[in-house]
Amino acid sequence: MQKQSVKEKIIETASRLFYFEGYNQTGINQIIEEAGVAKSSMYQSFRSKEEIAVEYLQRRHTMWMGHLSDYVSVKKSGKEKIIGAMAYIKDWLENVEYRGCGFQNIVTDLPKGQGSIADQVLLHKNELLDWVREELKEEDYNIEEGDILAKEIMVIVEGAIILSQIQKNSWPVISAESALRKLLAL
């Protein structure tokens, strides 16, 4: 078994802490202590907590989009994949006990002056929007119709995620899926 690098220990620890406890509530010293690394080793890998958060979000984005893609890969049409995404979101939220979206959570907890973190959040949400647009292209919407519809879908999806977090329940995602079925005429 390969020994975990200092960088990996820090990212693994910070990822858990940022997601479950919050970015502002997590301090560098807590990350160092829980990762079991020396402060000097941490600063050789990362210059700041912000840099750690950027890496966390980049990895979270890759993981989340990969899981979404795998989850809906058995669906035939773009519309079915979009509806399938709601089942993925429901399962994911239940598995994390409705902790919500790591991107939504961190951006609402972000102090001023940490633009690189906000940029990663925007990148993730825009790539998810692009994924929806691509799935809608399969359905022969023209570019303008597809763009408008994709943005409406994103509002429904993002609203369902945050409301599930607030309610600690799946009903918002189930309701969002129903709304999407109507919107997509499924």
Protein backbone atom coordinates (compact mmCIF):
# COMPACT_ATOMS: atom_id res chain seq x y z
CA MET A 1 0.00 0.00 0.00
CA GLN A 2 1.40 3.36 -1.07
CA LYS A 3 1.96 6.01 1.58
CA GLN A 4 -0.28 9.05 1.21
CA SER A 5 1.58 12.26 0.39
CA VAL A 6 1.39 15.37 2.58
CA LYS A 7 -0.57 17.13 -0.15
CA GLU A 8 -3.09 14.27 -0.37
CA LYS A 9 -3.50 14.17 3.42
CA ILE A 10 -4.16 17.91 3.47
CA ILE A 11 -6.65 17.82 0.60
CA GLU A 12 -8.49 14.79 1.96
CA THR A 13 -8.77 16.37 5.40
CA ALA A 14 -9.64 19.85 4.15
CA SER A 15 -12.23 18.45 1.74
CA ARG A 16 -14.06 16.72 4.57
CA LEU A 17 -13.82 19.75 6.85
CA PHE A 18 -14.81 22.32 4.23
CA TYR A 19 -17.79 20.23 3.16
CA PHE A 20 -19.12 19.14 6.53
CA GLU A 21 -18.06 22.02 8.77
CA GLY A 22 -17.76 24.96 6.39
CA TYR A 23 -14.93 26.95 4.91
CA ASN A 24 -14.92 29.81 7.46
CA GLN A 25 -15.35 27.39 10.35
CA THR A 26 -12.26 25.43 9.31
CA GLY A 27 -8.88 26.84 10.25
CA ILE A 28 -5.44 26.04 8.87
CA ASN A 29 -4.33 24.71 12.26
CA GLN A 30 -7.30 22.32 12.35
CA ILE A 31 -6.43 21.02 8.87
CA ILE A 32 -2.78 20.56 9.88
CA GLU A 33 -3.69 18.78 13.11
CA GLU A 34 -6.32 16.47 11.63
CA ALA A 35 -4.15 15.68 8.59
CA GLY A 36 -1.27 14.84 10.89
CA VAL A 37 1.25 16.96 9.01
CA ALA A 38 3.78 19.56 10.04
CA LYS A 39 2.96 23.21 9.45
CA SER A 40 6.12 23.61 7.35
CA SER A 41 5.11 20.63 5.19
CA MET A 42 1.66 22.10 4.67
CA TYR A 43 3.14 25.41 3.52
CA GLN A 44 5.46 23.57 1.12
CA SER A 45 2.35 22.14 -0.58
CA PHE A 46 -0.03 25.11 -0.29
CA ARG A 47 0.54 28.81 0.28
CA SER A 48 -2.87 29.43 1.86
CA LYS A 49 -6.23 28.05 2.91
CA GLU A 50 -7.65 29.64 -0.24
CA GLU A 51 -5.26 27.59 -2.38
CA ILE A 52 -6.33 24.43 -0.56
CA ALA A 53 -9.98 25.32 -1.20
CA VAL A 54 -9.34 25.82 -4.91
CA GLU A 55 -7.79 22.36 -5.14
CA TYR A 56 -10.70 20.92 -3.12
CA LEU A 57 -13.22 22.47 -5.53
CA GLN A 58 -11.32 21.34 -8.62
CA ARG A 59 -11.28 17.76 -7.35
CA ARG A 60 -14.90 17.94 -6.22
CA HIS A 61 -15.92 19.20 -9.65
CA THR A 62 -14.13 16.35 -11.43
CA MET A 63 -15.58 13.77 -9.04
CA TRP A 64 -19.14 15.16 -9.11
CA MET A 65 -19.34 15.53 -12.89
CA GLY A 66 -17.82 12.06 -13.35
CA HIS A 67 -20.36 10.48 -11.01
CA LEU A 68 -23.20 12.33 -12.73
CA SER A 69 -22.03 11.18 -16.15
CA ASP A 70 -21.68 7.57 -14.98
CA TYR A 71 -25.08 7.66 -13.28
CA VAL A 72 -26.97 8.81 -16.38
CA SER A 73 -24.90 6.92 -18.96
CA VAL A 74 -27.56 4.21 -19.32
CA LYS A 75 -30.19 6.76 -20.37
CA LYS A 76 -30.89 7.04 -24.09
CA SER A 77 -31.98 10.63 -24.70
CA GLY A 78 -30.78 13.99 -23.48
CA LYS A 79 -34.11 14.60 -21.74
CA GLU A 80 -33.86 11.24 -19.95
CA LYS A 81 -30.31 12.09 -18.83
CA ILE A 82 -31.49 15.41 -17.38
CA ILE A 83 -34.29 13.63 -15.50
CA GLY A 84 -31.79 10.95 -14.46
CA ALA A 85 -29.62 13.69 -13.01
CA MET A 86 -32.38 14.37 -10.49
CA ALA A 87 -32.22 10.75 -9.28
CA TYR A 88 -28.45 11.15 -8.94
CA ILE A 89 -28.90 14.37 -6.96
CA LYS A 90 -31.51 12.74 -4.71
CA ASP A 91 -29.23 9.76 -3.98
CA TRP A 92 -26.22 12.01 -3.39
CA LEU A 93 -28.10 14.33 -1.01
CA GLU A 94 -29.47 11.39 0.97
CA ASN A 95 -25.95 9.89 1.23
CA VAL A 96 -24.54 13.12 2.68
CA GLU A 97 -27.53 13.58 5.00
CA TYR A 98 -28.65 16.67 3.08
CA ARG A 99 -25.43 18.61 3.62
CA GLY A 100 -26.05 20.17 0.22
CA CYS A 101 -23.83 21.34 -2.58
CA GLY A 102 -20.20 21.96 -1.65
CA PHE A 103 -20.08 24.74 -4.22
CA GLN A 104 -23.21 26.48 -2.94
CA ASN A 105 -22.00 26.06 0.64
CA ILE A 106 -18.53 27.49 0.12
CA VAL A 107 -19.62 30.47 -1.97
CA THR A 108 -22.17 31.55 0.64
CA ASP A 109 -19.49 31.19 3.34
CA LEU A 110 -16.81 33.07 1.43
CA PRO A 111 -15.09 36.15 2.83
CA LYS A 112 -14.35 39.01 0.44
CA GLY A 113 -11.16 38.88 -1.52
CA GLN A 114 -11.15 35.14 -2.25
CA GLY A 115 -11.99 35.40 -5.93
CA SER A 116 -10.15 32.25 -6.95
CA ILE A 117 -12.62 30.20 -4.91
CA ALA A 118 -15.61 32.03 -6.40
CA ASP A 119 -14.11 31.42 -9.85
CA GLN A 120 -14.04 27.66 -9.20
CA VAL A 121 -17.68 27.72 -8.09
CA LEU A 122 -18.64 29.61 -11.23
CA LEU A 123 -16.64 27.19 -13.37
CA HIS A 124 -18.48 24.21 -11.87
CA LYS A 125 -21.93 25.74 -12.27
CA ASN A 126 -21.17 26.87 -15.82
CA GLU A 127 -19.91 23.42 -16.78
CA LEU A 128 -23.06 21.89 -15.35
CA LEU A 129 -25.09 24.39 -17.40
CA ASP A 130 -23.04 23.43 -20.47
CA TRP A 131 -23.76 19.75 -19.76
CA VAL A 132 -27.50 20.52 -19.71
CA ARG A 133 -27.16 22.49 -22.97
CA GLU A 134 -25.35 19.57 -24.61
CA GLU A 135 -28.05 17.14 -23.54
CA LEU A 136 -30.70 19.47 -24.94
CA LYS A 137 -28.86 19.69 -28.29
CA GLU A 138 -29.69 15.99 -28.74
CA GLU A 139 -33.33 16.97 -28.54
CA ASP A 140 -33.21 19.32 -31.54
CA TYR A 141 -33.79 22.56 -29.67
CA ASN A 142 -32.30 25.49 -31.51
CA ILE A 143 -29.43 27.27 -29.75
CA GLU A 144 -31.59 30.05 -28.31
CA GLU A 145 -34.36 27.71 -27.10
CA GLY A 146 -31.80 25.31 -25.66
CA ASP A 147 -30.00 28.10 -23.83
CA ILE A 148 -33.19 29.47 -22.26
CA LEU A 149 -34.39 25.98 -21.31
CA ALA A 150 -30.98 25.02 -19.87
CA LYS A 151 -31.00 28.11 -17.64
CA GLU A 152 -34.53 27.32 -16.44
CA ILE A 153 -33.44 23.76 -15.65
CA MET A 154 -30.44 25.04 -13.69
CA VAL A 155 -32.65 27.28 -11.56
CA ILE A 156 -34.89 24.31 -10.76
CA VAL A 157 -31.94 22.02 -9.99
CA GLU A 158 -30.04 24.52 -7.83
CA GLY A 159 -33.21 25.49 -5.98
CA ALA A 160 -34.02 21.85 -5.30
CA ILE A 161 -30.55 21.23 -3.87
CA ILE A 162 -30.60 24.17 -1.46
CA LEU A 163 -34.19 23.53 -0.42
CA SER A 164 -33.39 19.86 0.28
CA GLN A 165 -30.54 21.05 2.47
CA ILE A 166 -32.83 23.41 4.34
CA GLN A 167 -35.66 20.87 4.68
CA LYS A 168 -33.35 17.89 5.34
CA ASN A 169 -35.62 15.97 2.98
CA SER A 170 -35.80 14.70 -0.61
CA TRP A 171 -39.18 16.19 -1.46
CA PRO A 172 -37.69 19.29 -3.16
CA VAL A 173 -35.70 17.09 -5.57
CA ILE A 174 -38.73 14.88 -6.22
CA SER A 175 -40.81 18.01 -6.89
CA ALA A 176 -38.07 19.41 -9.14
CA GLU A 177 -38.03 16.20 -11.15
CA SER A 178 -41.80 16.49 -11.61
CA ALA A 179 -41.40 20.11 -12.74
CA LEU A 180 -38.64 19.11 -15.17
CA ARG A 181 -40.82 16.36 -16.64
CA LYS A 182 -43.48 18.99 -17.36
CA LEU A 183 -40.95 21.48 -18.70
CA LEU A 184 -39.38 18.84 -20.97
CA ALA A 185 -42.78 17.34 -21.93
CA LEU A 186 -41.88 13.87 -20.65
